[in-house]
Amino acid sequence: MSAVIAWFLSNPTVLAIGAAIIGALGFGFQQRLAGAKAERNKQAADNAAAGTEADKIDDAVAGRVPGVNRERLGKWSPKQ
């Protein structure tokens, strides 16, 4: 049994194949993490854009009387 293990550890072809498998797995994990980071950055940018739009709406509504706001925003709410 130890002869088989010694042969595996001393055979350059087996070592190269093992190193290639380990390298491919490492590259795959790295790409998976990079993709997750890119998705988090994309969602953060989308959230920032949505916040900016909400701020514009708040600024537009802030200077009016509540009755006027209800009247203007009523067209966006579903009819009851």
PDB file of N, CA and C in Angstrom:
ATOM      1  N   MET A   1       0.824  -1.193   0.000  1.00  0.00           N
ATOM      2  CA  MET A   1       0.000   0.000   0.000  1.00  0.00           C
ATOM      3  C   MET A   1       0.867   1.255   0.000  1.00  0.00           C
ATOM      4  N   SER A   2       1.908   1.258   0.800  1.00  0.00           N
ATOM      5  CA  SER A   2       2.771   2.430   0.840  1.00  0.00           C
ATOM      6  C   SER A   2       3.517   2.614  -0.473  1.00  0.00           C
ATOM      7  N   ALA A   3       3.726   1.537  -1.214  1.00  0.00           N
ATOM      8  CA  ALA A   3       4.385   1.653  -2.507  1.00  0.00           C
ATOM      9  C   ALA A   3       3.486   2.397  -3.496  1.00  0.00           C
ATOM     10  N   VAL A   4       2.195   2.145  -3.428  1.00  0.00           N
ATOM     11  CA  VAL A   4       1.253   2.833  -4.324  1.00  0.00           C
ATOM     12  C   VAL A   4       1.211   4.317  -3.984  1.00  0.00           C
ATOM     13  N   ILE A   5       1.166   4.629  -2.692  1.00  0.00           N
ATOM     14  CA  ILE A   5       1.159   6.030  -2.268  1.00  0.00           C
ATOM     15  C   ILE A   5       2.456   6.716  -2.675  1.00  0.00           C
ATOM     16  N   ALA A   6       3.568   6.050  -2.507  1.00  0.00           N
ATOM     17  CA  ALA A   6       4.856   6.620  -2.895  1.00  0.00           C
ATOM     18  C   ALA A   6       4.913   6.854  -4.400  1.00  0.00           C
ATOM     19  N   TRP A   7       4.340   5.925  -5.165  1.00  0.00           N
ATOM     20  CA  TRP A   7       4.325   6.092  -6.624  1.00  0.00           C
ATOM     21  C   TRP A   7       3.492   7.308  -7.008  1.00  0.00           C
ATOM     22  N   PHE A   8       2.289   7.479  -6.374  1.00  0.00           N
ATOM     23  CA  PHE A   8       1.450   8.641  -6.656  1.00  0.00           C
ATOM     24  C   PHE A   8       2.161   9.939  -6.327  1.00  0.00           C
ATOM     25  N   LEU A   9       2.870   9.967  -5.207  1.00  0.00           N
ATOM     26  CA  LEU A   9       3.529  11.201  -4.767  1.00  0.00           C
ATOM     27  C   LEU A   9       4.789  11.515  -5.562  1.00  0.00           C
ATOM     28  N   SER A  10       5.340  10.520  -6.225  1.00  0.00           N
ATOM     29  CA  SER A  10       6.570  10.764  -6.981  1.00  0.00           C
ATOM     30  C   SER A  10       6.323  10.855  -8.483  1.00  0.00           C
ATOM     31  N   ASN A  11       5.131  10.528  -8.941  1.00  0.00           N
ATOM     32  CA  ASN A  11       4.818  10.564 -10.364  1.00  0.00           C
ATOM     33  C   ASN A  11       4.444  11.996 -10.762  1.00  0.00           C
ATOM     34  N   PRO A  12       5.216  12.613 -11.660  1.00  0.00           N
ATOM     35  CA  PRO A  12       4.943  14.003 -12.031  1.00  0.00           C
ATOM     36  C   PRO A  12       3.603  14.190 -12.760  1.00  0.00           C
ATOM     37  N   THR A  13       3.166  13.189 -13.505  1.00  0.00           N
ATOM     38  CA  THR A  13       1.892  13.303 -14.208  1.00  0.00           C
ATOM     39  C   THR A  13       0.733  13.362 -13.219  1.00  0.00           C
ATOM     40  N   VAL A  14       0.756  12.494 -12.234  1.00  0.00           N
ATOM     41  CA  VAL A  14      -0.290  12.474 -11.218  1.00  0.00           C
ATOM     42  C   VAL A  14      -0.263  13.775 -10.422  1.00  0.00           C
ATOM     43  N   LEU A  15       0.908  14.261 -10.098  1.00  0.00           N
ATOM     44  CA  LEU A  15       1.016  15.530  -9.371  1.00  0.00           C
ATOM     45  C   LEU A  15       0.501  16.698 -10.208  1.00  0.00           C
ATOM     46  N   ALA A  16       0.776  16.700 -11.501  1.00  0.00           N
ATOM     47  CA  ALA A  16       0.308  17.776 -12.376  1.00  0.00           C
ATOM     48  C   ALA A  16      -1.215  17.746 -12.488  1.00  0.00           C
ATOM     49  N   ILE A  17      -1.783  16.555 -12.627  1.00  0.00           N
ATOM     50  CA  ILE A  17      -3.238  16.445 -12.712  1.00  0.00           C
ATOM     51  C   ILE A  17      -3.876  16.913 -11.398  1.00  0.00           C
ATOM     52  N   GLY A  18      -3.308  16.507 -10.273  1.00  0.00           N
ATOM     53  CA  GLY A  18      -3.817  16.935  -8.969  1.00  0.00           C
ATOM     54  C   GLY A  18      -3.729  18.445  -8.805  1.00  0.00           C
ATOM     55  N   ALA A  19      -2.615  19.012  -9.218  1.00  0.00           N
ATOM     56  CA  ALA A  19      -2.449  20.462  -9.113  1.00  0.00           C
ATOM     57  C   ALA A  19      -3.441  21.194 -10.017  1.00  0.00           C
ATOM     58  N   ALA A  20      -3.703  20.643 -11.203  1.00  0.00           N
ATOM     59  CA  ALA A  20      -4.656  21.261 -12.116  1.00  0.00           C
ATOM     60  C   ALA A  20      -6.069  21.228 -11.526  1.00  0.00           C
ATOM     61  N   ILE A  21      -6.438  20.124 -10.910  1.00  0.00           N
ATOM     62  CA  ILE A  21      -7.764  20.019 -10.291  1.00  0.00           C
ATOM     63  C   ILE A  21      -7.901  21.017  -9.151  1.00  0.00           C
ATOM     64  N   ILE A  22      -6.886  21.089  -8.300  1.00  0.00           N
ATOM     65  CA  ILE A  22      -6.918  22.028  -7.175  1.00  0.00           C
ATOM     66  C   ILE A  22      -6.960  23.474  -7.687  1.00  0.00           C
ATOM     67  N   GLY A  23      -6.182  23.761  -8.724  1.00  0.00           N
ATOM     68  CA  GLY A  23      -6.190  25.104  -9.305  1.00  0.00           C
ATOM     69  C   GLY A  23      -7.538  25.466  -9.906  1.00  0.00           C
ATOM     70  N   ALA A  24      -8.167  24.508 -10.596  1.00  0.00           N
ATOM     71  CA  ALA A  24      -9.477  24.769 -11.194  1.00  0.00           C
ATOM     72  C   ALA A  24     -10.524  25.016 -10.112  1.00  0.00           C
ATOM     73  N   LEU A  25     -10.483  24.245  -9.046  1.00  0.00           N
ATOM     74  CA  LEU A  25     -11.420  24.465  -7.943  1.00  0.00           C
ATOM     75  C   LEU A  25     -11.205  25.833  -7.295  1.00  0.00           C
ATOM     76  N   GLY A  26      -9.948  26.193  -7.084  1.00  0.00           N
ATOM     77  CA  GLY A  26      -9.643  27.503  -6.507  1.00  0.00           C
ATOM     78  C   GLY A  26     -10.119  28.636  -7.393  1.00  0.00           C
ATOM     79  N   PHE A  27      -9.910  28.511  -8.702  1.00  0.00           N
ATOM     80  CA  PHE A  27     -10.362  29.532  -9.644  1.00  0.00           C
ATOM     81  C   PHE A  27     -11.887  29.626  -9.646  1.00  0.00           C
ATOM     82  N   GLY A  28     -12.550  28.490  -9.584  1.00  0.00           N
ATOM     83  CA  GLY A  28     -14.015  28.486  -9.554  1.00  0.00           C
ATOM     84  C   GLY A  28     -14.553  29.186  -8.322  1.00  0.00           C
ATOM     85  N   PHE A  29     -13.961  28.907  -7.163  1.00  0.00           N
ATOM     86  CA  PHE A  29     -14.397  29.569  -5.931  1.00  0.00           C
ATOM     87  C   PHE A  29     -14.146  31.065  -5.998  1.00  0.00           C
ATOM     88  N   GLN A  30     -13.010  31.449  -6.564  1.00  0.00           N
ATOM     89  CA  GLN A  30     -12.684  32.873  -6.677  1.00  0.00           C
ATOM     90  C   GLN A  30     -13.690  33.578  -7.587  1.00  0.00           C
ATOM     91  N   GLN A  31     -14.063  32.949  -8.688  1.00  0.00           N
ATOM     92  CA  GLN A  31     -15.036  33.538  -9.608  1.00  0.00           C
ATOM     93  C   GLN A  31     -16.410  33.636  -8.963  1.00  0.00           C
ATOM     94  N   ARG A  32     -16.757  32.643  -8.169  1.00  0.00           N
ATOM     95  CA  ARG A  32     -18.052  32.678  -7.477  1.00  0.00           C
ATOM     96  C   ARG A  32     -18.102  33.856  -6.505  1.00  0.00           C
ATOM     97  N   LEU A  33     -17.029  34.076  -5.765  1.00  0.00           N
ATOM     98  CA  LEU A  33     -16.975  35.201  -4.829  1.00  0.00           C
ATOM     99  C   LEU A  33     -16.995  36.538  -5.573  1.00  0.00           C
ATOM    100  N   ALA A  34     -16.300  36.599  -6.707  1.00  0.00           N
ATOM    101  CA  ALA A  34     -16.282  37.836  -7.491  1.00  0.00           C
ATOM    102  C   ALA A  34     -17.674  38.140  -8.042  1.00  0.00           C
ATOM    103  N   GLY A  35     -18.396  37.114  -8.467  1.00  0.00           N
ATOM    104  CA  GLY A  35     -19.751  37.314  -8.961  1.00  0.00           C
ATOM    105  C   GLY A  35     -20.689  37.797  -7.866  1.00  0.00           C
ATOM    106  N   ALA A  36     -20.537  37.233  -6.678  1.00  0.00           N
ATOM    107  CA  ALA A  36     -21.371  37.656  -5.554  1.00  0.00           C
ATOM    108  C   ALA A  36     -21.087  39.116  -5.201  1.00  0.00           C
ATOM    109  N   LYS A  37     -19.822  39.500  -5.236  1.00  0.00           N
ATOM    110  CA  LYS A  37     -19.464  40.884  -4.931  1.00  0.00           C
ATOM    111  C   LYS A  37     -20.028  41.834  -5.992  1.00  0.00           C
ATOM    112  N   ALA A  38     -19.960  41.430  -7.251  1.00  0.00           N
ATOM    113  CA  ALA A  38     -20.504  42.260  -8.321  1.00  0.00           C
ATOM    114  C   ALA A  38     -22.015  42.429  -8.164  1.00  0.00           C
ATOM    115  N   GLU A  39     -22.709  41.369  -7.776  1.00  0.00           N
ATOM    116  CA  GLU A  39     -24.155  41.461  -7.576  1.00  0.00           C
ATOM    117  C   GLU A  39     -24.491  42.370  -6.401  1.00  0.00           C
ATOM    118  N   ARG A  40     -23.715  42.278  -5.308  1.00  0.00           N
ATOM    119  CA  ARG A  40     -23.941  43.176  -4.169  1.00  0.00           C
ATOM    120  C   ARG A  40     -23.735  44.626  -4.575  1.00  0.00           C
ATOM    121  N   ASN A  41     -22.693  44.902  -5.368  1.00  0.00           N
ATOM    122  CA  ASN A  41     -22.440  46.269  -5.828  1.00  0.00           C
ATOM    123  C   ASN A  41     -23.560  46.765  -6.732  1.00  0.00           C
ATOM    124  N   LYS A  42     -24.078  45.887  -7.602  1.00  0.00           N
ATOM    125  CA  LYS A  42     -25.171  46.259  -8.484  1.00  0.00           C
ATOM    126  C   LYS A  42     -26.425  46.592  -7.678  1.00  0.00           C
ATOM    127  N   GLN A  43     -26.737  45.777  -6.686  1.00  0.00           N
ATOM    128  CA  GLN A  43     -27.915  46.029  -5.866  1.00  0.00           C
ATOM    129  C   GLN A  43     -27.753  47.307  -5.046  1.00  0.00           C
ATOM    130  N   ALA A  44     -26.542  47.569  -4.565  1.00  0.00           N
ATOM    131  CA  ALA A  44     -26.309  48.805  -3.815  1.00  0.00           C
ATOM    132  C   ALA A  44     -26.518  50.021  -4.709  1.00  0.00           C
ATOM    133  N   ALA A  45     -26.067  49.946  -5.956  1.00  0.00           N
ATOM    134  CA  ALA A  45     -26.266  51.057  -6.890  1.00  0.00           C
ATOM    135  C   ALA A  45     -27.749  51.247  -7.195  1.00  0.00           C
ATOM    136  N   ASP A  46     -28.473  50.137  -7.372  1.00  0.00           N
ATOM    137  CA  ASP A  46     -29.916  50.232  -7.625  1.00  0.00           C
ATOM    138  C   ASP A  46     -30.641  50.845  -6.431  1.00  0.00           C
ATOM    139  N   ASN A  47     -30.251  50.438  -5.224  1.00  0.00           N
ATOM    140  CA  ASN A  47     -30.876  50.993  -4.020  1.00  0.00           C
ATOM    141  C   ASN A  47     -30.577  52.483  -3.883  1.00  0.00           C
ATOM    142  N   ALA A  48     -29.367  52.881  -4.246  1.00  0.00           N
ATOM    143  CA  ALA A  48     -29.020  54.299  -4.171  1.00  0.00           C
ATOM    144  C   ALA A  48     -29.840  55.099  -5.175  1.00  0.00           C
ATOM    145  N   ALA A  49     -30.034  54.547  -6.365  1.00  0.00           N
ATOM    146  CA  ALA A  49     -30.838  55.238  -7.376  1.00  0.00           C
ATOM    147  C   ALA A  49     -32.286  55.348  -6.922  1.00  0.00           C
ATOM    148  N   ALA A  50     -32.809  54.294  -6.311  1.00  0.00           N
ATOM    149  CA  ALA A  50     -34.190  54.332  -5.819  1.00  0.00           C
ATOM    150  C   ALA A  50     -34.323  55.353  -4.691  1.00  0.00           C
ATOM    151  N   GLY A  51     -33.305  55.429  -3.835  1.00  0.00           N
ATOM    152  CA  GLY A  51     -33.324  56.418  -2.761  1.00  0.00           C
ATOM    153  C   GLY A  51     -33.298  57.825  -3.305  1.00  0.00           C
ATOM    154  N   THR A  52     -32.558  58.057  -4.359  1.00  0.00           N
ATOM    155  CA  THR A  52     -32.487  59.377  -4.977  1.00  0.00           C
ATOM    156  C   THR A  52     -33.849  59.771  -5.537  1.00  0.00           C
ATOM    157  N   GLU A  53     -34.525  58.815  -6.173  1.00  0.00           N
ATOM    158  CA  GLU A  53     -35.855  59.092  -6.721  1.00  0.00           C
ATOM    159  C   GLU A  53     -36.843  59.385  -5.595  1.00  0.00           C
ATOM    160  N   ALA A  54     -36.745  58.634  -4.513  1.00  0.00           N
ATOM    161  CA  ALA A  54     -37.632  58.867  -3.366  1.00  0.00           C
ATOM    162  C   ALA A  54     -37.370  60.247  -2.758  1.00  0.00           C
ATOM    163  N   ASP A  55     -36.112  60.646  -2.715  1.00  0.00           N
ATOM    164  CA  ASP A  55     -35.785  61.984  -2.201  1.00  0.00           C
ATOM    165  C   ASP A  55     -36.385  63.078  -3.077  1.00  0.00           C
ATOM    166  N   LYS A  56     -36.369  62.873  -4.389  1.00  0.00           N
ATOM    167  CA  LYS A  56     -36.971  63.862  -5.294  1.00  0.00           C
ATOM    168  C   LYS A  56     -38.473  63.984  -5.027  1.00  0.00           C
ATOM    169  N   ILE A  57     -39.114  62.845  -4.823  1.00  0.00           N
ATOM    170  CA  ILE A  57     -40.553  62.868  -4.560  1.00  0.00           C
ATOM    171  C   ILE A  57     -40.831  63.552  -3.227  1.00  0.00           C
ATOM    172  N   ASP A  58     -40.057  63.226  -2.206  1.00  0.00           N
ATOM    173  CA  ASP A  58     -40.238  63.858  -0.899  1.00  0.00           C
ATOM    174  C   ASP A  58     -40.037  65.365  -0.980  1.00  0.00           C
ATOM    175  N   ASP A  59     -39.023  65.788  -1.732  1.00  0.00           N
ATOM    176  CA  ASP A  59     -38.772  67.225  -1.880  1.00  0.00           C
ATOM    177  C   ASP A  59     -39.924  67.913  -2.600  1.00  0.00           C
ATOM    178  N   ALA A  60     -40.500  67.238  -3.606  1.00  0.00           N
ATOM    179  CA  ALA A  60     -41.612  67.834  -4.351  1.00  0.00           C
ATOM    180  C   ALA A  60     -42.860  67.942  -3.495  1.00  0.00           C
ATOM    181  N   VAL A  61     -43.057  66.993  -2.603  1.00  0.00           N
ATOM    182  CA  VAL A  61     -44.261  66.950  -1.784  1.00  0.00           C
ATOM    183  C   VAL A  61     -44.127  67.833  -0.540  1.00  0.00           C
ATOM    184  N   ALA A  62     -42.924  68.083  -0.099  1.00  0.00           N
ATOM    185  CA  ALA A  62     -42.686  68.732   1.195  1.00  0.00           C
ATOM    186  C   ALA A  62     -43.274  70.133   1.296  1.00  0.00           C
ATOM    187  N   GLY A  63     -43.301  70.879   0.225  1.00  0.00           N
ATOM    188  CA  GLY A  63     -43.730  72.270   0.313  1.00  0.00           C
ATOM    189  C   GLY A  63     -45.218  72.496   0.163  1.00  0.00           C
ATOM    190  N   ARG A  64     -46.020  71.456   0.050  1.00  0.00           N
ATOM    191  CA  ARG A  64     -47.448  71.630  -0.192  1.00  0.00           C
ATOM    192  C   ARG A  64     -48.284  71.321   1.038  1.00  0.00           C
ATOM    193  N   VAL A  65     -49.515  71.785   0.996  1.00  0.00           N
ATOM    194  CA  VAL A  65     -50.493  71.500   2.053  1.00  0.00           C
ATOM    195  C   VAL A  65     -50.914  70.032   1.924  1.00  0.00           C
ATOM    196  N   PRO A  66     -51.158  69.314   3.038  1.00  0.00           N
ATOM    197  CA  PRO A  66     -51.532  67.899   2.950  1.00  0.00           C
ATOM    198  C   PRO A  66     -52.734  67.623   2.057  1.00  0.00           C
ATOM    199  N   GLY A  67     -53.707  68.493   2.027  1.00  0.00           N
ATOM    200  CA  GLY A  67     -54.868  68.281   1.153  1.00  0.00           C
ATOM    201  C   GLY A  67     -54.482  68.277  -0.313  1.00  0.00           C
ATOM    202  N   VAL A  68     -53.586  69.172  -0.690  1.00  0.00           N
ATOM    203  CA  VAL A  68     -53.122  69.237  -2.079  1.00  0.00           C
ATOM    204  C   VAL A  68     -52.327  67.979  -2.414  1.00  0.00           C
ATOM    205  N   ASN A  69     -51.519  67.521  -1.444  1.00  0.00           N
ATOM    206  CA  ASN A  69     -50.751  66.290  -1.666  1.00  0.00           C
ATOM    207  C   ASN A  69     -51.677  65.108  -1.897  1.00  0.00           C
ATOM    208  N   ARG A  70     -52.734  65.005  -1.072  1.00  0.00           N
ATOM    209  CA  ARG A  70     -53.668  63.887  -1.232  1.00  0.00           C
ATOM    210  C   ARG A  70     -54.348  63.946  -2.594  1.00  0.00           C
ATOM    211  N   GLU A  71     -54.698  65.155  -3.005  1.00  0.00           N
ATOM    212  CA  GLU A  71     -55.361  65.323  -4.302  1.00  0.00           C
ATOM    213  C   GLU A  71     -54.437  64.919  -5.448  1.00  0.00           C
ATOM    214  N   ARG A  72     -53.207  65.379  -5.404  1.00  0.00           N
ATOM    215  CA  ARG A  72     -52.255  65.078  -6.484  1.00  0.00           C
ATOM    216  C   ARG A  72     -51.821  63.618  -6.488  1.00  0.00           C
ATOM    217  N   LEU A  73     -51.638  63.047  -5.306  1.00  0.00           N
ATOM    218  CA  LEU A  73     -51.191  61.666  -5.232  1.00  0.00           C
ATOM    219  C   LEU A  73     -52.339  60.666  -5.357  1.00  0.00           C
ATOM    220  N   GLY A  74     -53.568  61.161  -5.278  1.00  0.00           N
ATOM    221  CA  GLY A  74     -54.729  60.286  -5.379  1.00  0.00           C
ATOM    222  C   GLY A  74     -54.811  59.557  -6.711  1.00  0.00           C
ATOM    223  N   LYS A  75     -54.298  60.168  -7.766  1.00  0.00           N
ATOM    224  CA  LYS A  75     -54.373  59.516  -9.072  1.00  0.00           C
ATOM    225  C   LYS A  75     -53.471  58.279  -9.142  1.00  0.00           C
ATOM    226  N   TRP A  76     -52.522  58.155  -8.221  1.00  0.00           N
ATOM    227  CA  TRP A  76     -51.615  57.013  -8.225  1.00  0.00           C
ATOM    228  C   TRP A  76     -52.120  55.868  -7.348  1.00  0.00           C
ATOM    229  N   SER A  77     -53.072  56.139  -6.495  1.00  0.00           N
ATOM    230  CA  SER A  77     -53.571  55.082  -5.607  1.00  0.00           C
ATOM    231  C   SER A  77     -54.731  54.370  -6.280  1.00  0.00           C
ATOM    232  N   PRO A  78     -54.927  53.093  -5.947  1.00  0.00           N
ATOM    233  CA  PRO A  78     -56.046  52.367  -6.547  1.00  0.00           C
ATOM    234  C   PRO A  78     -57.377  52.910  -6.014  1.00  0.00           C
ATOM    235  N   LYS A  79     -58.359  52.888  -6.850  1.00  0.00           N
ATOM    236  CA  LYS A  79     -59.697  53.373  -6.462  1.00  0.00           C
ATOM    237  C   LYS A  79     -60.309  52.391  -5.478  1.00  0.00           C
ATOM    238  N   GLN A  80     -60.952  52.948  -4.452  1.00  0.00           N
ATOM    239  CA  GLN A  80     -61.558  52.092  -3.405  1.00  0.00           C
ATOM    240  C   GLN A  80     -63.056  52.174  -3.458  1.00  0.00           C
TER     241      GLN A  80
END
